[in-house]
């Protein structure tokens, strides 16, 4: 995991390099999966809690 500083006000962004997707940490991105919570972008790419 790399922690890279961003400009003020950017918030938290998870970047998946395996599918080239960026997912903003927001309640609007929460998706329901069996026995866990995950974040997804508009295309449906999602991030498992273990990869966050």
C-alpha atoms as a PDB file:
ATOM      1  CA  UNK A   1       0.000   0.000   0.000  1.00  0.00           C
ATOM      2  CA  UNK A   2       1.244   3.481  -0.849  1.00  0.00           C
ATOM      3  CA  UNK A   3       0.122   6.557   1.004  1.00  0.00           C
ATOM      4  CA  UNK A   4       0.364   9.481  -1.425  1.00  0.00           C
ATOM      5  CA  UNK A   5      -0.568  13.016  -0.291  1.00  0.00           C
ATOM      6  CA  UNK A   6      -3.359  14.710  -2.254  1.00  0.00           C
ATOM      7  CA  UNK A   7      -4.558  18.306  -2.381  1.00  0.00           C
ATOM      8  CA  UNK A   8      -6.662  19.568   0.538  1.00  0.00           C
ATOM      9  CA  UNK A   9     -10.340  18.608   0.244  1.00  0.00           C
ATOM     10  CA  UNK A  10      -9.716  15.604  -2.009  1.00  0.00           C
ATOM     11  CA  UNK A  11     -10.851  13.053   0.571  1.00  0.00           C
ATOM     12  CA  UNK A  12      -9.910   9.372   0.568  1.00  0.00           C
ATOM     13  CA  UNK A  13      -9.588   7.584  -2.778  1.00  0.00           C
ATOM     14  CA  UNK A  14      -8.874   3.868  -3.133  1.00  0.00           C
ATOM     15  CA  UNK A  15      -7.076   3.032  -6.369  1.00  0.00           C
ATOM     16  CA  UNK A  16      -7.323  -0.493  -7.828  1.00  0.00           C
ATOM     17  CA  UNK A  17      -4.406  -1.025 -10.154  1.00  0.00           C
ATOM     18  CA  UNK A  18      -5.588  -4.478 -11.304  1.00  0.00           C
ATOM     19  CA  UNK A  19      -8.627  -2.971 -13.099  1.00  0.00           C
ATOM     20  CA  UNK A  20      -7.532   0.683 -13.272  1.00  0.00           C
ATOM     21  CA  UNK A  21     -10.328   2.072 -11.096  1.00  0.00           C
ATOM     22  CA  UNK A  22     -10.525   4.836  -8.496  1.00  0.00           C
ATOM     23  CA  UNK A  23     -13.166   4.586  -5.786  1.00  0.00           C
ATOM     24  CA  UNK A  24     -13.930   7.528  -3.503  1.00  0.00           C
ATOM     25  CA  UNK A  25     -14.638   6.684   0.133  1.00  0.00           C
ATOM     26  CA  UNK A  26     -18.246   7.850   0.534  1.00  0.00           C
ATOM     27  CA  UNK A  27     -21.501   6.526   1.962  1.00  0.00           C
ATOM     28  CA  UNK A  28     -22.905   6.874  -1.569  1.00  0.00           C
ATOM     29  CA  UNK A  29     -20.483   4.174  -2.774  1.00  0.00           C
ATOM     30  CA  UNK A  30     -21.423   1.490  -0.242  1.00  0.00           C
ATOM     31  CA  UNK A  31     -22.670  -1.722  -1.857  1.00  0.00           C
ATOM     32  CA  UNK A  32     -24.157  -4.780  -0.210  1.00  0.00           C
ATOM     33  CA  UNK A  33     -22.222  -8.035  -0.396  1.00  0.00           C
ATOM     34  CA  UNK A  34     -22.687 -11.208   1.647  1.00  0.00           C
ATOM     35  CA  UNK A  35     -21.188 -10.787   5.123  1.00  0.00           C
ATOM     36  CA  UNK A  36     -19.166  -7.651   4.339  1.00  0.00           C
ATOM     37  CA  UNK A  37     -19.280  -4.026   3.252  1.00  0.00           C
ATOM     38  CA  UNK A  38     -17.490  -2.728   0.171  1.00  0.00           C
ATOM     39  CA  UNK A  39     -17.131   0.429  -1.901  1.00  0.00           C
ATOM     40  CA  UNK A  40     -17.887   0.500  -5.644  1.00  0.00           C
ATOM     41  CA  UNK A  41     -17.435   3.026  -8.421  1.00  0.00           C
ATOM     42  CA  UNK A  42     -19.998   3.897 -11.124  1.00  0.00           C
ATOM     43  CA  UNK A  43     -18.831   1.027 -13.355  1.00  0.00           C
ATOM     44  CA  UNK A  44     -19.361  -1.593 -10.644  1.00  0.00           C
ATOM     45  CA  UNK A  45     -15.704  -2.118  -9.778  1.00  0.00           C
ATOM     46  CA  UNK A  46     -15.563  -2.735  -6.072  1.00  0.00           C
ATOM     47  CA  UNK A  47     -12.959  -2.983  -3.371  1.00  0.00           C
ATOM     48  CA  UNK A  48     -13.006  -5.786  -0.819  1.00  0.00           C
ATOM     49  CA  UNK A  49     -12.360  -4.818   2.812  1.00  0.00           C
ATOM     50  CA  UNK A  50      -9.243  -7.018   2.787  1.00  0.00           C
ATOM     51  CA  UNK A  51      -7.754  -5.017  -0.107  1.00  0.00           C
ATOM     52  CA  UNK A  52      -8.518  -1.610   1.394  1.00  0.00           C
END
